[in-house]
Amino acid sequence: MIVKVRVIPRARQNKVTVDSDGTVRVHTVAAPADGQANDAIIKMLAKYYDVPKTSIKIIRGQTSRDKFIEL
């Protein structure tokens, strides 16, 4: 399954929400430097979807706020 994700780095708190159009918004307190935000996103999505972290892969948007994630 491929999911469109919008990332909000340096947020006040970590949370995952889903918009009405199906876009998943991930708010993370991690900074977007050295892949810290991407690691936090993978960890949060693994918990949200109840899957192992190793089954989540960033397909497109490694350095962008808009990402496509494969579960």
N, C-alpha and C. Protein backbone atom coordinates (compact mmCIF):
# COMPACT_ATOMS: atom_id res chain seq x y z
N MET A 1 0.84 -1.17 0.00
CA MET A 1 0.00 0.00 0.00
C MET A 1 0.89 1.24 0.00
N ILE A 2 0.56 2.21 -0.84
CA ILE A 2 1.32 3.46 -0.92
C ILE A 2 0.48 4.58 -0.32
N VAL A 3 1.10 5.36 0.57
CA VAL A 3 0.40 6.42 1.30
C VAL A 3 1.09 7.74 1.02
N LYS A 4 0.29 8.79 0.75
CA LYS A 4 0.84 10.13 0.60
C LYS A 4 0.92 10.76 1.99
N VAL A 5 2.10 11.28 2.31
CA VAL A 5 2.35 11.82 3.65
C VAL A 5 2.83 13.26 3.54
N ARG A 6 2.28 14.12 4.38
CA ARG A 6 2.73 15.51 4.50
C ARG A 6 3.38 15.63 5.87
N VAL A 7 4.62 16.07 5.92
CA VAL A 7 5.39 16.14 7.16
C VAL A 7 5.45 17.57 7.66
N ILE A 8 5.23 17.74 8.95
CA ILE A 8 5.39 19.03 9.61
C ILE A 8 6.49 18.86 10.65
N PRO A 9 7.75 19.20 10.30
CA PRO A 9 8.85 19.04 11.26
C PRO A 9 8.85 20.17 12.29
N ARG A 10 9.54 19.93 13.38
CA ARG A 10 9.65 20.89 14.48
C ARG A 10 8.29 21.31 15.01
N ALA A 11 7.36 20.38 15.09
CA ALA A 11 6.04 20.66 15.64
C ALA A 11 6.13 20.65 17.17
N ARG A 12 5.06 21.07 17.81
CA ARG A 12 5.05 21.09 19.28
C ARG A 12 4.94 19.70 19.88
N GLN A 13 4.27 18.80 19.15
CA GLN A 13 4.11 17.44 19.65
C GLN A 13 4.09 16.46 18.49
N ASN A 14 4.35 15.19 18.80
CA ASN A 14 4.29 14.14 17.80
C ASN A 14 2.86 13.66 17.67
N LYS A 15 2.33 13.65 16.44
CA LYS A 15 1.00 13.10 16.20
C LYS A 15 0.81 12.78 14.73
N VAL A 16 -0.14 11.87 14.47
CA VAL A 16 -0.47 11.47 13.11
C VAL A 16 -1.96 11.72 12.92
N THR A 17 -2.32 12.44 11.85
CA THR A 17 -3.72 12.69 11.52
C THR A 17 -3.94 12.37 10.05
N VAL A 18 -5.20 12.15 9.68
CA VAL A 18 -5.56 11.86 8.29
C VAL A 18 -6.55 12.91 7.83
N ASP A 19 -6.24 13.57 6.70
CA ASP A 19 -7.14 14.57 6.11
C ASP A 19 -8.30 13.88 5.41
N SER A 20 -9.29 14.67 5.04
CA SER A 20 -10.47 14.13 4.36
C SER A 20 -10.13 13.57 2.98
N ASP A 21 -9.05 14.07 2.35
CA ASP A 21 -8.66 13.56 1.03
C ASP A 21 -7.76 12.33 1.11
N GLY A 22 -7.47 11.84 2.32
CA GLY A 22 -6.66 10.64 2.49
C GLY A 22 -5.19 10.91 2.76
N THR A 23 -4.76 12.16 2.71
CA THR A 23 -3.38 12.49 3.00
C THR A 23 -3.12 12.34 4.49
N VAL A 24 -2.03 11.66 4.81
CA VAL A 24 -1.64 11.47 6.20
C VAL A 24 -0.71 12.61 6.58
N ARG A 25 -1.03 13.31 7.68
CA ARG A 25 -0.17 14.39 8.18
C ARG A 25 0.56 13.88 9.41
N VAL A 26 1.89 14.02 9.36
CA VAL A 26 2.71 13.58 10.48
C VAL A 26 3.40 14.80 11.07
N HIS A 27 3.06 15.12 12.31
CA HIS A 27 3.69 16.22 13.04
C HIS A 27 4.78 15.61 13.90
N THR A 28 6.00 16.09 13.77
CA THR A 28 7.10 15.55 14.54
C THR A 28 7.93 16.67 15.16
N VAL A 29 8.43 16.44 16.35
CA VAL A 29 9.26 17.44 17.02
C VAL A 29 10.70 17.39 16.51
N ALA A 30 11.04 16.36 15.74
CA ALA A 30 12.40 16.20 15.22
C ALA A 30 12.70 17.25 14.15
N ALA A 31 13.96 17.63 14.10
CA ALA A 31 14.42 18.58 13.09
C ALA A 31 14.68 17.84 11.77
N PRO A 32 14.50 18.53 10.64
CA PRO A 32 14.72 17.88 9.35
C PRO A 32 16.20 17.86 8.95
N ALA A 33 17.06 17.53 9.87
CA ALA A 33 18.50 17.50 9.59
C ALA A 33 19.04 16.09 9.83
N ASP A 34 19.92 15.65 8.97
CA ASP A 34 20.58 14.34 9.08
C ASP A 34 19.60 13.18 9.14
N GLY A 35 18.43 13.32 8.54
CA GLY A 35 17.45 12.25 8.50
C GLY A 35 16.71 11.99 9.79
N GLN A 36 16.83 12.89 10.76
CA GLN A 36 16.16 12.69 12.05
C GLN A 36 14.65 12.68 11.89
N ALA A 37 14.11 13.59 11.09
CA ALA A 37 12.66 13.65 10.89
C ALA A 37 12.17 12.40 10.16
N ASN A 38 12.90 11.93 9.17
CA ASN A 38 12.50 10.72 8.45
C ASN A 38 12.47 9.51 9.38
N ASP A 39 13.45 9.39 10.25
CA ASP A 39 13.47 8.29 11.21
C ASP A 39 12.28 8.37 12.16
N ALA A 40 11.95 9.58 12.60
CA ALA A 40 10.81 9.77 13.49
C ALA A 40 9.50 9.45 12.78
N ILE A 41 9.41 9.82 11.51
CA ILE A 41 8.20 9.55 10.72
C ILE A 41 7.98 8.05 10.59
N ILE A 42 9.04 7.33 10.27
CA ILE A 42 8.93 5.88 10.11
C ILE A 42 8.50 5.23 11.42
N LYS A 43 9.07 5.67 12.52
CA LYS A 43 8.71 5.12 13.83
C LYS A 43 7.24 5.41 14.16
N MET A 44 6.79 6.63 13.90
CA MET A 44 5.41 7.00 14.21
C MET A 44 4.41 6.28 13.31
N LEU A 45 4.72 6.15 12.03
CA LEU A 45 3.81 5.45 11.12
C LEU A 45 3.75 3.95 11.44
N ALA A 46 4.86 3.37 11.86
CA ALA A 46 4.87 1.96 12.25
C ALA A 46 3.94 1.74 13.44
N LYS A 47 3.96 2.65 14.38
CA LYS A 47 3.08 2.53 15.54
C LYS A 47 1.63 2.78 15.13
N TYR A 48 1.39 3.77 14.27
CA TYR A 48 0.03 4.12 13.85
C TYR A 48 -0.63 2.97 13.07
N TYR A 49 0.11 2.38 12.13
CA TYR A 49 -0.43 1.29 11.31
C TYR A 49 -0.20 -0.09 11.92
N ASP A 50 0.49 -0.15 13.05
CA ASP A 50 0.78 -1.40 13.75
C ASP A 50 1.51 -2.40 12.85
N VAL A 51 2.60 -1.93 12.26
CA VAL A 51 3.47 -2.76 11.43
C VAL A 51 4.91 -2.56 11.89
N PRO A 52 5.81 -3.49 11.58
CA PRO A 52 7.21 -3.29 11.95
C PRO A 52 7.86 -2.14 11.15
N LYS A 53 8.83 -1.48 11.77
CA LYS A 53 9.51 -0.36 11.11
C LYS A 53 10.19 -0.78 9.82
N THR A 54 10.64 -2.03 9.76
CA THR A 54 11.35 -2.50 8.57
C THR A 54 10.45 -2.64 7.36
N SER A 55 9.12 -2.65 7.57
CA SER A 55 8.20 -2.79 6.44
C SER A 55 7.78 -1.44 5.86
N ILE A 56 8.31 -0.36 6.38
CA ILE A 56 7.98 0.98 5.88
C ILE A 56 9.18 1.54 5.13
N LYS A 57 8.92 2.05 3.92
CA LYS A 57 9.99 2.58 3.07
C LYS A 57 9.54 3.89 2.44
N ILE A 58 10.42 4.88 2.43
CA ILE A 58 10.14 6.15 1.75
C ILE A 58 10.48 5.95 0.27
N ILE A 59 9.44 6.02 -0.57
CA ILE A 59 9.64 5.81 -2.00
C ILE A 59 10.10 7.08 -2.68
N ARG A 60 9.42 8.19 -2.38
CA ARG A 60 9.74 9.46 -3.03
C ARG A 60 9.60 10.58 -2.01
N GLY A 61 10.50 11.56 -2.08
CA GLY A 61 10.42 12.72 -1.21
C GLY A 61 11.33 12.64 0.00
N GLN A 62 12.45 12.02 -0.14
CA GLN A 62 13.39 11.84 0.97
C GLN A 62 13.73 13.18 1.64
N THR A 63 13.86 14.25 0.87
CA THR A 63 14.21 15.56 1.43
C THR A 63 13.08 16.57 1.32
N SER A 64 11.90 16.11 1.02
CA SER A 64 10.75 16.99 0.85
C SER A 64 9.76 16.80 1.98
N ARG A 65 8.85 17.77 2.15
CA ARG A 65 7.77 17.62 3.13
C ARG A 65 6.70 16.66 2.65
N ASP A 66 6.52 16.59 1.34
CA ASP A 66 5.55 15.68 0.76
C ASP A 66 6.27 14.39 0.37
N LYS A 67 5.82 13.28 0.93
CA LYS A 67 6.48 12.01 0.71
C LYS A 67 5.47 10.96 0.29
N PHE A 68 5.97 9.94 -0.38
CA PHE A 68 5.18 8.76 -0.69
C PHE A 68 5.83 7.61 0.05
N ILE A 69 5.06 6.96 0.92
CA ILE A 69 5.55 5.91 1.78
C ILE A 69 4.90 4.60 1.37
N GLU A 70 5.70 3.54 1.31
CA GLU A 70 5.18 2.21 1.03
C GLU A 70 5.12 1.42 2.32
N LEU A 71 3.95 0.82 2.57
CA LEU A 71 3.77 -0.02 3.75
C LEU A 71 3.78 -1.48 3.34
